[in-house]
């Protein structure tokens, strides 16, 4: 683990008093990563922690999946260091995680065992604790396998499933729970056999699922599509050589009535559309996704007639080389989009000023492989992790496993520190979520202690 001091770092530092004022300030231009639900409580000021949902590796450390907490506040004496780890028992194919709307709990799923782990991050943001484990997800949901995205709705968590327990294929559903972990409902994806009232706009209605995002002011919910358990648990090289397996990928984005939870339109978006990110500005009625197998940016947008459309708007790298775009991160003003490509280990920045014609403006190699990206609301900080899936990660020396912190200075990414998850015997670093004391208290504990000590010192002796 190495912390690099950069010229830009002193500008990020502030006094304890300034930090207290920032923490107490009303919500303005700074908040948590931009991929979160609009219903969710936001961070004001500098994030204090990044929670990394990590896949266990047999023979490395305890071999278990775990939540790893890293201190990312430059003012902290623990800056750039791991401050907490929680192992959850066994390997579940740890993948994605997401907060409840009040940010009290972080829900994290296992794609293999279909377990859901609820971490209490509010009681002590620097040291989360395992609050609850849901083991009956498949039974309660009616056969959904592989909980993926855990997304905050008011008082609810919406979970996308990647598979089912009948054929372990890609047909699946959305599953709704209360924040505390009580099952509410299952909403199955539309298929050719049962469109559920949805309009099929192309040739596909495959019933596949992956990510979910919402635009509440338009009463819109969007879901994307990937592949089932039989593929995502298969060795990557073996799958690439299996012609039948390569046919088992999703090719759709579904438009839903958000409030009714009913599908309305099924768009053809060929090539496994993965992460969805929706515009934040009130006059921007669009969302974007990228296709893993065809390396394109797709725009899902409302046209001048009030109808929603899907359009491929840009290539990512050289599609013929299948760079495999994975995670994306949009800026708070919707002007920029970071796109990670797993195979070449690059992050690319696209100008989204005209969302119908994105233009790449910057790229950088982050590592031999790269997957997830998480940005701060102000656009100044971006974090990266390496792992895609246990059986899909690269082998040998190319199997770098890391968490890296960068500052975007407006022209280039400047690395701040890096943690080698192999060296630290932690496992495969996957998804990140931000934590901050400011979510739960106006003043950080260390500042409260300092204020108490100052008050005591200035009080007259009885």
Protein backbone atom coordinates (compact mmCIF):
# COMPACT_ATOMS: atom_id res chain seq x y z
CA UNK A 1 0.00 0.00 0.00
CA UNK A 2 1.59 3.25 -1.12
CA UNK A 3 0.44 6.82 -0.63
CA UNK A 4 1.76 9.25 -3.19
CA UNK A 5 1.92 12.91 -2.29
CA UNK A 6 0.84 15.17 -5.12
CA UNK A 7 0.95 18.93 -5.62
CA UNK A 8 -2.81 19.01 -5.75
CA UNK A 9 -3.24 17.41 -2.34
CA UNK A 10 -2.58 20.53 -0.17
CA UNK A 11 -5.46 22.27 -1.92
CA UNK A 12 -7.75 19.49 -0.71
CA UNK A 13 -6.76 19.90 2.90
CA UNK A 14 -8.74 22.13 5.20
CA UNK A 15 -8.81 23.03 8.85
CA UNK A 16 -10.92 21.18 11.42
CA UNK A 17 -13.20 24.21 11.67
CA UNK A 18 -13.73 24.32 7.90
CA UNK A 19 -14.53 20.63 7.90
CA UNK A 20 -17.11 21.13 10.64
CA UNK A 21 -18.72 23.95 8.67
CA UNK A 22 -18.82 21.79 5.54
CA UNK A 23 -20.42 18.95 7.45
CA UNK A 24 -23.08 21.26 8.84
CA UNK A 25 -23.78 23.00 5.53
CA UNK A 26 -27.00 22.38 3.60
CA UNK A 27 -26.93 20.16 0.51
CA UNK A 28 -25.26 22.03 -2.31
CA UNK A 29 -22.85 21.02 -5.06
CA UNK A 30 -21.10 18.23 -3.22
CA UNK A 31 -22.43 14.80 -2.51
CA UNK A 32 -21.95 11.11 -2.96
CA UNK A 33 -21.16 9.18 -6.12
CA UNK A 34 -23.37 10.06 -9.04
CA UNK A 35 -24.68 6.58 -9.79
CA UNK A 36 -26.89 6.45 -6.69
CA UNK A 37 -30.67 6.69 -6.44
CA UNK A 38 -32.20 10.19 -6.47
CA UNK A 39 -34.27 9.08 -3.45
CA UNK A 40 -31.17 8.46 -1.38
CA UNK A 41 -29.69 10.76 1.26
CA UNK A 42 -26.58 12.50 -0.05
CA UNK A 43 -23.15 13.22 1.36
CA UNK A 44 -22.26 16.88 1.76
CA UNK A 45 -18.57 17.65 1.46
CA UNK A 46 -15.70 15.21 1.32
CA UNK A 47 -16.54 11.52 1.62
CA UNK A 48 -14.78 9.89 4.58
CA UNK A 49 -14.86 6.23 3.58
CA UNK A 50 -15.20 3.89 0.63
CA UNK A 51 -16.83 0.52 1.33
CA UNK A 52 -15.55 -2.17 -1.06
CA UNK A 53 -17.55 -5.38 -1.50
CA UNK A 54 -14.80 -7.95 -2.04
CA UNK A 55 -14.76 -11.52 -3.38
CA UNK A 56 -12.91 -14.07 -1.27
CA UNK A 57 -10.16 -16.12 -2.89
CA UNK A 58 -9.39 -19.65 -1.73
CA UNK A 59 -6.02 -19.73 0.02
CA UNK A 60 -5.75 -15.94 0.28
CA UNK A 61 -6.25 -14.66 3.82
CA UNK A 62 -9.41 -16.16 5.29
CA UNK A 63 -10.75 -16.88 1.78
CA UNK A 64 -14.11 -15.24 2.57
CA UNK A 65 -16.12 -12.51 0.92
CA UNK A 66 -15.83 -9.32 2.94
CA UNK A 67 -16.70 -5.65 3.23
CA UNK A 68 -13.49 -3.62 3.27
CA UNK A 69 -13.57 -0.02 4.55
CA UNK A 70 -10.89 2.44 3.40
CA UNK A 71 -10.36 5.92 4.85
CA UNK A 72 -10.31 8.37 1.92
CA UNK A 73 -10.43 11.73 3.74
CA UNK A 74 -7.11 13.56 3.15
CA UNK A 75 -7.49 15.21 6.58
CA UNK A 76 -7.50 11.89 8.39
CA UNK A 77 -4.45 10.33 9.99
CA UNK A 78 -5.63 7.05 8.45
CA UNK A 79 -5.89 8.46 4.92
CA UNK A 80 -5.29 5.76 2.32
CA UNK A 81 -5.48 2.96 4.88
CA UNK A 82 -7.85 0.06 5.52
CA UNK A 83 -9.70 0.77 8.76
CA UNK A 84 -12.14 -2.15 8.86
CA UNK A 85 -12.90 -5.55 7.29
CA UNK A 86 -15.93 -7.77 7.90
CA UNK A 87 -15.86 -11.33 6.59
CA UNK A 88 -19.27 -12.88 5.93
CA UNK A 89 -18.46 -16.58 5.79
CA UNK A 90 -17.58 -18.47 2.62
CA UNK A 91 -17.51 -17.28 -0.98
CA UNK A 92 -20.82 -16.14 -2.44
CA UNK A 93 -19.57 -14.39 -5.60
CA UNK A 94 -19.74 -10.99 -3.92
CA UNK A 95 -20.74 -8.46 -6.55
CA UNK A 96 -22.88 -5.35 -6.11
CA UNK A 97 -24.15 -3.35 -3.15
CA UNK A 98 -26.42 -0.39 -2.50
CA UNK A 99 -27.79 1.76 0.30
CA UNK A 100 -31.31 2.15 1.60
CA UNK A 101 -32.78 5.60 0.96
CA UNK A 102 -31.85 6.72 4.49
CA UNK A 103 -28.37 5.21 4.09
CA UNK A 104 -28.75 3.30 7.33
CA UNK A 105 -28.08 -0.07 5.70
CA UNK A 106 -25.82 -1.21 2.88
CA UNK A 107 -27.30 -4.21 1.07
CA UNK A 108 -24.73 -6.48 -0.62
CA UNK A 109 -25.51 -9.55 -2.72
CA UNK A 110 -23.87 -12.82 -3.71
CA UNK A 111 -24.44 -13.92 -7.32
CA UNK A 112 -23.72 -17.59 -6.60
CA UNK A 113 -25.44 -18.33 -3.26
CA UNK A 114 -28.14 -15.62 -3.71
CA UNK A 115 -27.57 -14.46 -0.14
CA UNK A 116 -28.09 -10.83 0.82
CA UNK A 117 -25.96 -9.21 3.51
CA UNK A 118 -27.25 -6.10 5.28
CA UNK A 119 -24.55 -3.96 6.90
CA UNK A 120 -25.29 -1.26 9.45
CA UNK A 121 -23.18 1.70 8.30
CA UNK A 122 -24.98 4.39 10.33
CA UNK A 123 -24.00 3.39 13.88
CA UNK A 124 -20.29 3.77 13.14
CA UNK A 125 -19.48 4.75 9.53
CA UNK A 126 -15.82 3.83 10.01
CA UNK A 127 -16.62 0.35 11.27
CA UNK A 128 -19.76 -1.12 9.69
CA UNK A 129 -21.28 -4.22 11.27
CA UNK A 130 -23.17 -7.12 9.75
CA UNK A 131 -26.79 -6.54 10.74
CA UNK A 132 -28.67 -9.31 8.94
CA UNK A 133 -28.29 -12.08 6.35
CA UNK A 134 -31.18 -13.00 4.06
CA UNK A 135 -30.87 -16.63 2.98
CA UNK A 136 -34.33 -17.28 1.48
CA UNK A 137 -34.19 -14.83 -1.44
CA UNK A 138 -34.79 -17.55 -4.05
CA UNK A 139 -37.79 -19.03 -2.25
CA UNK A 140 -39.38 -15.70 -1.34
CA UNK A 141 -38.98 -14.29 -4.85
CA UNK A 142 -40.47 -17.32 -6.58
CA UNK A 143 -37.27 -18.64 -8.10
CA UNK A 144 -35.08 -15.60 -8.79
CA UNK A 145 -31.33 -16.31 -8.58
CA UNK A 146 -28.34 -13.98 -8.43
CA UNK A 147 -29.27 -10.68 -6.68
CA UNK A 148 -27.34 -7.98 -8.53
CA UNK A 149 -28.25 -4.28 -8.23
CA UNK A 150 -29.70 -3.19 -4.87
CA UNK A 151 -31.35 0.18 -5.56
CA UNK A 152 -33.05 2.59 -3.18
CA UNK A 153 -36.72 3.50 -3.58
CA UNK A 154 -38.73 5.28 -0.86
CA UNK A 155 -38.67 2.84 2.07
CA UNK A 156 -37.84 0.03 -0.33
CA UNK A 157 -34.93 -1.77 -1.97
CA UNK A 158 -35.40 -2.88 -5.59
CA UNK A 159 -33.17 -5.81 -6.50
CA UNK A 160 -32.39 -7.01 -10.00
CA UNK A 161 -31.95 -10.77 -10.38
CA UNK A 162 -29.67 -12.21 -13.06
CA UNK A 163 -31.02 -15.74 -13.26
CA UNK A 164 -33.64 -18.28 -12.17
CA UNK A 165 -33.67 -21.66 -10.44
CA UNK A 166 -35.38 -23.53 -13.29
CA UNK A 167 -32.74 -23.46 -16.02
CA UNK A 168 -30.09 -21.07 -14.56
CA UNK A 169 -30.55 -18.97 -17.71
CA UNK A 170 -30.95 -15.21 -18.02
CA UNK A 171 -34.72 -14.89 -17.62
CA UNK A 172 -35.35 -13.20 -14.33
CA UNK A 173 -37.17 -10.48 -12.39
CA UNK A 174 -37.08 -7.44 -10.15
CA UNK A 175 -37.55 -8.24 -6.47
CA UNK A 176 -38.81 -5.67 -3.98
CA UNK A 177 -38.00 -5.61 -0.24
CA UNK A 178 -38.51 -3.19 2.62
CA UNK A 179 -35.42 -1.42 3.96
CA UNK A 180 -35.38 -3.79 6.93
CA UNK A 181 -35.40 -6.90 4.75
CA UNK A 182 -39.03 -7.98 4.44
CA UNK A 183 -40.04 -9.39 1.04
CA UNK A 184 -42.68 -7.32 -0.79
CA UNK A 185 -43.11 -8.44 -4.42
CA UNK A 186 -41.57 -9.96 -7.54
CA UNK A 187 -41.90 -8.21 -10.91
CA UNK A 188 -40.99 -10.57 -13.78
CA UNK A 189 -39.33 -9.26 -16.91
CA UNK A 190 -41.44 -9.22 -20.11
CA UNK A 191 -40.83 -12.02 -22.60
CA UNK A 192 -42.12 -13.01 -26.02
CA UNK A 193 -44.39 -15.51 -24.27
CA UNK A 194 -45.69 -12.91 -21.80
CA UNK A 195 -45.16 -9.25 -22.66
CA UNK A 196 -47.32 -8.21 -19.67
CA UNK A 197 -48.81 -5.38 -21.72
CA UNK A 198 -45.46 -4.02 -22.88
CA UNK A 199 -44.84 -2.91 -26.47
CA UNK A 200 -42.09 -4.82 -28.23
CA UNK A 201 -40.24 -2.28 -30.41
CA UNK A 202 -37.78 -4.71 -32.05
CA UNK A 203 -37.19 -8.43 -32.34
CA UNK A 204 -36.21 -9.15 -28.74
CA UNK A 205 -38.16 -9.66 -25.52
CA UNK A 206 -35.70 -11.99 -23.83
CA UNK A 207 -36.66 -11.50 -20.18
CA UNK A 208 -33.04 -10.90 -19.16
CA UNK A 209 -32.08 -8.51 -16.36
CA UNK A 210 -29.05 -6.67 -14.97
CA UNK A 211 -29.27 -3.06 -13.73
CA UNK A 212 -32.06 -0.66 -12.73
CA UNK A 213 -32.30 3.15 -12.60
CA UNK A 214 -35.17 5.65 -12.33
CA UNK A 215 -36.23 9.12 -13.44
CA UNK A 216 -38.98 9.89 -10.90
CA UNK A 217 -40.13 13.15 -12.52
CA UNK A 218 -40.90 11.20 -15.72
CA UNK A 219 -42.33 8.15 -13.88
CA UNK A 220 -39.69 6.08 -15.67
CA UNK A 221 -37.76 3.02 -14.54
CA UNK A 222 -35.23 1.33 -16.84
CA UNK A 223 -33.68 -2.13 -16.65
CA UNK A 224 -30.84 -3.62 -18.71
CA UNK A 225 -29.80 -7.21 -19.44
CA UNK A 226 -26.80 -9.52 -19.06
CA UNK A 227 -26.65 -13.32 -18.70
CA UNK A 228 -27.64 -16.13 -16.35
CA UNK A 229 -25.90 -18.19 -13.66
CA UNK A 230 -24.77 -20.86 -16.16
CA UNK A 231 -22.66 -18.23 -17.94
CA UNK A 232 -21.45 -15.89 -15.20
CA UNK A 233 -20.20 -18.79 -13.09
CA UNK A 234 -18.36 -20.34 -16.09
CA UNK A 235 -14.65 -19.82 -16.82
CA UNK A 236 -14.37 -16.85 -19.17
CA UNK A 237 -12.08 -18.53 -21.70
CA UNK A 238 -14.26 -21.62 -21.81
CA UNK A 239 -17.38 -19.52 -22.30
CA UNK A 240 -15.85 -17.61 -25.21
CA UNK A 241 -15.26 -20.92 -27.00
CA UNK A 242 -18.80 -22.15 -26.32
CA UNK A 243 -21.03 -21.03 -29.20
CA UNK A 244 -24.23 -21.86 -27.34
CA UNK A 245 -23.10 -19.97 -24.24
CA UNK A 246 -22.32 -16.88 -26.31
CA UNK A 247 -25.93 -16.88 -27.52
CA UNK A 248 -27.14 -16.60 -23.92
CA UNK A 249 -26.68 -12.84 -23.43
CA UNK A 250 -29.34 -10.17 -23.11
CA UNK A 251 -30.16 -7.73 -25.89
CA UNK A 252 -32.77 -5.50 -24.30
CA UNK A 253 -33.50 -2.44 -22.22
CA UNK A 254 -36.99 -2.29 -20.71
CA UNK A 255 -38.91 0.90 -19.97
CA UNK A 256 -41.22 0.54 -16.95
CA UNK A 257 -43.98 2.58 -15.34
CA UNK A 258 -42.10 3.39 -12.14
CA UNK A 259 -45.09 3.77 -9.83
CA UNK A 260 -47.11 0.84 -11.17
CA UNK A 261 -44.01 -1.37 -11.65
CA UNK A 262 -45.36 -2.42 -15.05
CA UNK A 263 -43.25 -2.82 -18.24
CA UNK A 264 -44.23 -0.46 -21.07
CA UNK A 265 -41.62 -0.82 -23.83
CA UNK A 266 -38.93 -3.35 -24.72
CA UNK A 267 -36.04 -1.84 -26.70
CA UNK A 268 -33.53 -3.78 -28.79
CA UNK A 269 -30.07 -2.96 -27.39
CA UNK A 270 -27.91 -5.81 -28.70
CA UNK A 271 -24.73 -6.95 -27.00
CA UNK A 272 -25.45 -7.12 -23.25
CA UNK A 273 -26.26 -3.59 -22.04
CA UNK A 274 -24.89 -3.36 -18.50
CA UNK A 275 -24.84 -0.32 -16.19
CA UNK A 276 -27.50 2.38 -16.63
CA UNK A 277 -26.86 5.99 -15.62
CA UNK A 278 -29.57 8.65 -15.81
CA UNK A 279 -29.10 12.38 -16.30
CA UNK A 280 -29.42 14.54 -13.19
CA UNK A 281 -30.41 17.90 -14.68
CA UNK A 282 -34.18 18.62 -14.64
CA UNK A 283 -34.32 19.33 -18.39
CA UNK A 284 -32.33 16.24 -19.41
CA UNK A 285 -34.73 13.40 -20.10
CA UNK A 286 -32.24 10.68 -20.96
CA UNK A 287 -30.16 7.83 -19.62
CA UNK A 288 -27.15 5.96 -21.01
CA UNK A 289 -25.86 2.42 -21.01
CA UNK A 290 -22.97 0.60 -22.68
CA UNK A 291 -22.98 -2.78 -24.40
CA UNK A 292 -20.27 -5.19 -23.25
CA UNK A 293 -20.11 -7.32 -26.39
CA UNK A 294 -20.53 -4.63 -29.06
CA UNK A 295 -18.66 -1.76 -27.30
CA UNK A 296 -21.19 1.00 -27.88
CA UNK A 297 -22.77 3.80 -25.88
CA UNK A 298 -26.57 3.71 -26.13
CA UNK A 299 -28.84 6.64 -25.37
CA UNK A 300 -32.35 5.99 -24.00
CA UNK A 301 -34.19 9.28 -24.38
CA UNK A 302 -37.56 11.01 -24.60
CA UNK A 303 -38.12 12.53 -28.05
CA UNK A 304 -39.97 15.72 -28.98
CA UNK A 305 -43.25 13.81 -29.10
CA UNK A 306 -42.86 12.50 -25.57
CA UNK A 307 -42.01 8.99 -26.76
CA UNK A 308 -39.00 7.08 -25.43
CA UNK A 309 -36.42 5.80 -27.90
CA UNK A 310 -33.14 3.84 -27.86
CA UNK A 311 -30.21 4.79 -30.10
CA UNK A 312 -26.57 3.72 -30.41
CA UNK A 313 -24.62 7.00 -30.29
CA UNK A 314 -20.88 6.19 -30.03
CA UNK A 315 -18.24 3.49 -30.21
CA UNK A 316 -16.00 2.72 -27.23
CA UNK A 317 -12.43 2.14 -28.36
CA UNK A 318 -12.18 -0.35 -31.22
CA UNK A 319 -15.29 -2.56 -31.04
CA UNK A 320 -13.61 -5.20 -33.22
CA UNK A 321 -11.15 -5.85 -30.39
CA UNK A 322 -14.00 -6.22 -27.84
CA UNK A 323 -12.49 -4.05 -25.08
CA UNK A 324 -15.49 -5.12 -22.93
CA UNK A 325 -16.95 -1.91 -21.47
CA UNK A 326 -18.12 -2.51 -17.94
CA UNK A 327 -18.82 0.24 -15.39
CA UNK A 328 -19.71 3.84 -16.27
CA UNK A 329 -19.97 7.00 -14.16
CA UNK A 330 -21.79 10.20 -15.15
CA UNK A 331 -20.92 13.68 -13.86
CA UNK A 332 -23.46 15.61 -11.78
CA UNK A 333 -23.95 18.18 -14.55
CA UNK A 334 -24.35 15.40 -17.16
CA UNK A 335 -21.48 16.80 -19.26
CA UNK A 336 -19.04 13.89 -18.85
CA UNK A 337 -19.17 10.10 -18.79
CA UNK A 338 -16.38 7.84 -17.55
CA UNK A 339 -16.34 4.43 -19.26
CA UNK A 340 -14.16 1.56 -18.03
CA UNK A 341 -13.06 -1.24 -20.37
CA UNK A 342 -12.04 -4.43 -18.62
CA UNK A 343 -9.84 -6.11 -21.25
CA UNK A 344 -7.41 -3.23 -21.86
CA UNK A 345 -7.60 -1.85 -18.31
CA UNK A 346 -8.52 1.65 -19.50
CA UNK A 347 -10.84 4.37 -18.33
CA UNK A 348 -12.13 6.71 -21.02
CA UNK A 349 -13.78 10.11 -20.65
CA UNK A 350 -16.56 11.13 -23.03
CA UNK A 351 -17.94 14.63 -23.55
CA UNK A 352 -21.73 14.26 -23.19
CA UNK A 353 -22.62 17.89 -23.87
CA UNK A 354 -24.52 16.60 -26.88
CA UNK A 355 -25.75 13.19 -25.64
CA UNK A 356 -26.64 12.14 -29.19
CA UNK A 357 -22.99 12.61 -30.24
CA UNK A 358 -20.61 11.73 -27.37
CA UNK A 359 -16.92 12.40 -28.03
CA UNK A 360 -13.97 10.79 -26.27
CA UNK A 361 -11.63 13.43 -24.81
CA UNK A 362 -9.26 11.45 -22.55
CA UNK A 363 -8.11 7.95 -21.67
CA UNK A 364 -5.77 6.35 -19.16
CA UNK A 365 -4.64 2.82 -18.34
CA UNK A 366 -5.64 2.11 -14.72
CA UNK A 367 -4.30 -1.45 -14.55
CA UNK A 368 -4.03 -4.75 -16.41
CA UNK A 369 -7.76 -5.07 -15.75
CA UNK A 370 -10.29 -2.57 -14.42
CA UNK A 371 -13.99 -2.82 -13.64
CA UNK A 372 -15.78 -0.39 -11.33
CA UNK A 373 -15.61 3.43 -11.13
CA UNK A 374 -17.11 5.69 -8.45
CA UNK A 375 -17.07 9.47 -8.71
CA UNK A 376 -17.65 12.23 -6.16
CA UNK A 377 -20.50 14.63 -6.88
CA UNK A 378 -18.13 17.55 -7.45
CA UNK A 379 -16.25 15.50 -10.05
CA UNK A 380 -12.88 15.97 -8.36
CA UNK A 381 -12.33 12.42 -7.08
CA UNK A 382 -12.76 9.07 -8.80
CA UNK A 383 -12.00 5.62 -7.45
CA UNK A 384 -11.36 2.36 -9.32
CA UNK A 385 -11.45 -1.35 -8.55
CA UNK A 386 -10.32 -4.33 -10.58
CA UNK A 387 -12.50 -7.43 -10.31
CA UNK A 388 -15.27 -8.39 -12.71
CA UNK A 389 -16.24 -11.96 -11.73
CA UNK A 390 -14.18 -14.64 -10.01
CA UNK A 391 -14.12 -16.85 -13.12
CA UNK A 392 -13.77 -13.94 -15.55
CA UNK A 393 -10.82 -12.10 -13.99
CA UNK A 394 -7.49 -12.42 -15.76
CA UNK A 395 -4.95 -15.02 -14.75
CA UNK A 396 -1.35 -14.92 -13.51
CA UNK A 397 0.43 -11.56 -13.42
CA UNK A 398 -2.53 -9.93 -15.19
CA UNK A 399 -4.76 -10.73 -12.21
CA UNK A 400 -4.15 -7.40 -10.49
CA UNK A 401 -6.58 -6.76 -7.64
CA UNK A 402 -6.63 -3.20 -6.39
CA UNK A 403 -8.43 -0.16 -5.09
CA UNK A 404 -7.07 3.10 -6.53
CA UNK A 405 -7.84 6.72 -5.71
CA UNK A 406 -7.43 9.53 -8.24
CA UNK A 407 -8.03 13.27 -8.45
CA UNK A 408 -9.33 14.73 -11.71
CA UNK A 409 -7.60 18.10 -12.17
CA UNK A 410 -9.64 19.02 -15.24
CA UNK A 411 -7.09 17.65 -17.69
CA UNK A 412 -5.81 14.36 -16.32
CA UNK A 413 -6.19 11.80 -13.55
CA UNK A 414 -3.60 12.10 -10.77
CA UNK A 415 -3.16 9.03 -8.58
CA UNK A 416 -3.34 9.63 -4.83
CA UNK A 417 -2.90 6.13 -3.44
CA UNK A 418 -3.34 2.47 -4.30
CA UNK A 419 -4.07 -0.62 -2.21
CA UNK A 420 -2.96 -4.02 -3.52
CA UNK A 421 -5.73 -6.43 -2.47
CA UNK A 422 -3.62 -9.46 -3.37
CA UNK A 423 -0.73 -8.27 -1.21
CA UNK A 424 -3.08 -7.43 1.65
CA UNK A 425 -4.66 -10.92 1.29
CA UNK A 426 -8.15 -9.45 0.96
CA UNK A 427 -9.36 -10.94 -2.32
CA UNK A 428 -10.89 -9.45 -5.46
CA UNK A 429 -11.93 -5.80 -5.09
CA UNK A 430 -15.31 -5.22 -6.73
CA UNK A 431 -17.96 -2.59 -6.07
CA UNK A 432 -17.56 0.63 -4.07
CA UNK A 433 -19.93 2.78 -2.04
CA UNK A 434 -19.18 6.00 -0.14
CA UNK A 435 -19.61 6.72 3.57
CA UNK A 436 -19.40 9.95 5.57
CA UNK A 437 -19.90 11.10 9.14
CA UNK A 438 -21.85 14.07 7.77
CA UNK A 439 -24.75 11.76 6.89
CA UNK A 440 -25.43 11.03 10.54
CA UNK A 441 -23.94 13.93 12.51
CA UNK A 442 -23.12 17.56 11.80
CA UNK A 443 -19.67 17.15 13.33
CA UNK A 444 -17.28 14.23 13.12
CA UNK A 445 -16.56 12.34 16.36
CA UNK A 446 -12.95 13.58 16.52
CA UNK A 447 -14.16 17.18 16.21
CA UNK A 448 -16.80 16.61 18.86
CA UNK A 449 -14.08 15.34 21.20
CA UNK A 450 -11.91 18.34 20.40
CA UNK A 451 -14.80 20.74 21.01
CA UNK A 452 -15.59 19.06 24.35
CA UNK A 453 -11.97 19.28 25.43
CA UNK A 454 -11.78 22.96 24.47
CA UNK A 455 -14.97 23.72 26.37
CA UNK A 456 -13.73 21.88 29.45
CA UNK A 457 -10.40 23.72 29.35
CA UNK A 458 -12.11 27.11 29.13
CA UNK A 459 -14.67 26.44 31.87
CA UNK A 460 -13.92 27.95 35.34
CA UNK A 461 -12.80 25.49 38.00
CA UNK A 462 -15.47 25.10 40.73
